[in-house]
Each structure stands twice: as structure tokens, then as C-alpha cells.
Amino acid sequence: MNRIFGYLVGIVWLGLAWGAFQRGQNGGAMGYTDMVVWWTIIAGLLTIAGLGALIGTTIHTADRS
């Protein structure tokens, strides 16, 4: 159950990162270059969090028998 919850959290974080990246791209299409920069930074941090959740779940729920 912990493994499923950990993977679910990681997937949600990666989904949020994708949404932030898309928002930055939409801002860039409208000519707001500062939106591209800040939403890309936010997307990068969310990606790190999502990958950390996925990798951490894999490491900490591994069967060590």
C-alpha cells in the first residue's frame, strides 16, 4: 500500500510539473518571457520533487530478502 501511495504522489507531482511547463509555454506564446522563466523554474522544482518521490519509493519499499 505504501508503494502505491508513493508512486501516486510522484505521478501527481510530475503532472503538476507538466501543467506548470505548459503554463509557461502559453505565457511565452503571448509574449510574456518572464512567465516562461518562472514557470519553467517551478516546473523544474516540481519535477525534482516528483522524481524524488518515485525514486525514494522504489528505494525504501524494495524487497530486501
N, C-alpha and C. Protein backbone atom coordinates (compact mmCIF):
# COMPACT_ATOMS: atom_id res chain seq x y z
N MET A 1 0.82 -1.20 0.00
CA MET A 1 0.00 0.00 0.00
C MET A 1 0.87 1.26 0.00
N ASN A 2 1.97 1.23 0.76
CA ASN A 2 2.87 2.38 0.79
C ASN A 2 3.49 2.64 -0.58
N ARG A 3 3.79 1.55 -1.29
CA ARG A 3 4.39 1.69 -2.61
C ARG A 3 3.42 2.37 -3.57
N ILE A 4 2.17 1.95 -3.54
CA ILE A 4 1.16 2.55 -4.41
C ILE A 4 1.00 4.03 -4.09
N PHE A 5 0.91 4.36 -2.81
CA PHE A 5 0.76 5.76 -2.40
C PHE A 5 1.96 6.59 -2.84
N GLY A 6 3.17 6.07 -2.67
CA GLY A 6 4.37 6.79 -3.07
C GLY A 6 4.43 7.05 -4.56
N TYR A 7 4.08 6.03 -5.34
CA TYR A 7 4.07 6.21 -6.80
C TYR A 7 2.98 7.17 -7.22
N LEU A 8 1.84 7.11 -6.57
CA LEU A 8 0.74 8.03 -6.89
C LEU A 8 1.15 9.47 -6.62
N VAL A 9 1.80 9.71 -5.50
CA VAL A 9 2.27 11.06 -5.17
C VAL A 9 3.28 11.54 -6.21
N GLY A 10 4.20 10.66 -6.61
CA GLY A 10 5.19 11.03 -7.62
C GLY A 10 4.55 11.37 -8.95
N ILE A 11 3.55 10.61 -9.35
CA ILE A 11 2.86 10.88 -10.61
C ILE A 11 2.10 12.19 -10.54
N VAL A 12 1.48 12.47 -9.39
CA VAL A 12 0.77 13.74 -9.23
C VAL A 12 1.73 14.91 -9.33
N TRP A 13 2.89 14.81 -8.70
CA TRP A 13 3.88 15.89 -8.76
C TRP A 13 4.36 16.09 -10.19
N LEU A 14 4.58 14.99 -10.92
CA LEU A 14 5.01 15.13 -12.31
C LEU A 14 3.90 15.74 -13.17
N GLY A 15 2.65 15.43 -12.86
CA GLY A 15 1.53 16.06 -13.56
C GLY A 15 1.48 17.55 -13.30
N LEU A 16 1.72 17.94 -12.07
CA LEU A 16 1.77 19.37 -11.74
C LEU A 16 2.93 20.06 -12.47
N ALA A 17 4.06 19.36 -12.57
CA ALA A 17 5.21 19.91 -13.29
C ALA A 17 4.87 20.11 -14.76
N TRP A 18 4.19 19.14 -15.36
CA TRP A 18 3.80 19.28 -16.76
C TRP A 18 2.85 20.46 -16.94
N GLY A 19 1.91 20.62 -16.02
CA GLY A 19 1.00 21.74 -16.09
C GLY A 19 1.72 23.07 -15.98
N ALA A 20 2.70 23.16 -15.09
CA ALA A 20 3.48 24.39 -14.93
C ALA A 20 4.28 24.68 -16.19
N PHE A 21 4.85 23.66 -16.78
CA PHE A 21 5.61 23.84 -18.02
C PHE A 21 4.69 24.34 -19.14
N GLN A 22 3.51 23.77 -19.24
CA GLN A 22 2.56 24.20 -20.27
C GLN A 22 2.12 25.65 -20.04
N ARG A 23 1.92 26.02 -18.79
CA ARG A 23 1.52 27.40 -18.49
C ARG A 23 2.62 28.38 -18.91
N GLY A 24 3.86 28.01 -18.69
CA GLY A 24 4.97 28.85 -19.13
C GLY A 24 5.02 28.97 -20.64
N GLN A 25 4.78 27.88 -21.33
CA GLN A 25 4.78 27.92 -22.79
C GLN A 25 3.64 28.79 -23.32
N ASN A 26 2.49 28.71 -22.68
CA ASN A 26 1.37 29.56 -23.08
C ASN A 26 1.69 31.04 -22.86
N GLY A 27 2.36 31.34 -21.75
CA GLY A 27 2.76 32.72 -21.49
C GLY A 27 3.76 33.21 -22.52
N GLY A 28 4.66 32.33 -22.93
CA GLY A 28 5.64 32.69 -23.95
C GLY A 28 4.98 32.96 -25.29
N ALA A 29 3.95 32.20 -25.60
CA ALA A 29 3.23 32.41 -26.86
C ALA A 29 2.53 33.76 -26.87
N MET A 30 2.19 34.26 -25.69
CA MET A 30 1.53 35.57 -25.60
C MET A 30 2.54 36.71 -25.49
N GLY A 31 3.84 36.38 -25.44
CA GLY A 31 4.87 37.40 -25.42
C GLY A 31 5.40 37.75 -24.04
N TYR A 32 5.02 36.99 -23.03
CA TYR A 32 5.49 37.25 -21.67
C TYR A 32 6.68 36.35 -21.37
N THR A 33 7.88 36.82 -21.65
CA THR A 33 9.06 35.98 -21.47
C THR A 33 9.35 35.71 -20.00
N ASP A 34 8.95 36.62 -19.12
CA ASP A 34 9.19 36.39 -17.70
C ASP A 34 8.34 35.20 -17.20
N MET A 35 7.17 35.00 -17.78
CA MET A 35 6.35 33.84 -17.40
C MET A 35 7.02 32.54 -17.79
N VAL A 36 7.69 32.55 -18.94
CA VAL A 36 8.41 31.34 -19.37
C VAL A 36 9.48 30.99 -18.36
N VAL A 37 10.24 31.98 -17.93
CA VAL A 37 11.34 31.74 -16.99
C VAL A 37 10.82 31.20 -15.68
N TRP A 38 9.87 31.88 -15.07
CA TRP A 38 9.43 31.49 -13.73
C TRP A 38 8.63 30.20 -13.73
N TRP A 39 7.78 29.98 -14.73
CA TRP A 39 7.03 28.72 -14.76
C TRP A 39 7.95 27.54 -15.09
N THR A 40 9.01 27.79 -15.84
CA THR A 40 9.97 26.72 -16.11
C THR A 40 10.76 26.37 -14.85
N ILE A 41 11.11 27.38 -14.06
CA ILE A 41 11.79 27.12 -12.79
C ILE A 41 10.87 26.32 -11.87
N ILE A 42 9.61 26.71 -11.78
CA ILE A 42 8.66 25.99 -10.95
C ILE A 42 8.49 24.56 -11.46
N ALA A 43 8.40 24.39 -12.77
CA ALA A 43 8.27 23.05 -13.35
C ALA A 43 9.50 22.20 -13.02
N GLY A 44 10.67 22.80 -13.05
CA GLY A 44 11.89 22.06 -12.71
C GLY A 44 11.89 21.59 -11.27
N LEU A 45 11.47 22.46 -10.36
CA LEU A 45 11.41 22.08 -8.94
C LEU A 45 10.37 20.99 -8.70
N LEU A 46 9.22 21.10 -9.37
CA LEU A 46 8.20 20.07 -9.23
C LEU A 46 8.67 18.74 -9.82
N THR A 47 9.42 18.80 -10.90
CA THR A 47 9.97 17.57 -11.49
C THR A 47 10.94 16.90 -10.53
N ILE A 48 11.78 17.68 -9.89
CA ILE A 48 12.71 17.13 -8.90
C ILE A 48 11.94 16.46 -7.77
N ALA A 49 10.87 17.11 -7.30
CA ALA A 49 10.06 16.54 -6.23
C ALA A 49 9.39 15.25 -6.68
N GLY A 50 8.86 15.23 -7.89
CA GLY A 50 8.19 14.04 -8.40
C GLY A 50 9.15 12.87 -8.58
N LEU A 51 10.30 13.15 -9.17
CA LEU A 51 11.29 12.08 -9.33
C LEU A 51 11.82 11.61 -7.98
N GLY A 52 11.97 12.53 -7.05
CA GLY A 52 12.40 12.15 -5.70
C GLY A 52 11.40 11.22 -5.04
N ALA A 53 10.12 11.50 -5.23
CA ALA A 53 9.08 10.63 -4.66
C ALA A 53 9.11 9.26 -5.31
N LEU A 54 9.26 9.21 -6.63
CA LEU A 54 9.28 7.92 -7.32
C LEU A 54 10.53 7.10 -6.97
N ILE A 55 11.68 7.75 -7.01
CA ILE A 55 12.92 7.04 -6.70
C ILE A 55 12.98 6.66 -5.23
N GLY A 56 12.56 7.58 -4.36
CA GLY A 56 12.56 7.28 -2.93
C GLY A 56 11.61 6.14 -2.58
N THR A 57 10.46 6.10 -3.23
CA THR A 57 9.52 5.00 -3.00
C THR A 57 10.12 3.69 -3.45
N THR A 58 10.78 3.71 -4.60
CA THR A 58 11.40 2.48 -5.11
C THR A 58 12.49 1.99 -4.16
N ILE A 59 13.30 2.89 -3.67
CA ILE A 59 14.40 2.50 -2.78
C ILE A 59 13.88 2.01 -1.44
N HIS A 60 12.94 2.73 -0.86
CA HIS A 60 12.52 2.42 0.50
C HIS A 60 11.47 1.32 0.61
N THR A 61 10.90 0.90 -0.51
CA THR A 61 9.94 -0.20 -0.45
C THR A 61 10.46 -1.44 -1.16
N ALA A 62 11.76 -1.45 -1.50
CA ALA A 62 12.35 -2.59 -2.18
C ALA A 62 12.38 -3.81 -1.24
N ASP A 63 12.12 -4.95 -1.82
CA ASP A 63 12.17 -6.19 -1.05
C ASP A 63 13.62 -6.60 -0.85
N ARG A 64 14.06 -6.60 0.38
CA ARG A 64 15.48 -6.88 0.69
C ARG A 64 15.70 -8.27 1.25
N SER A 65 14.93 -9.21 0.76
CA SER A 65 15.10 -10.58 1.30
C SER A 65 16.03 -11.41 0.46
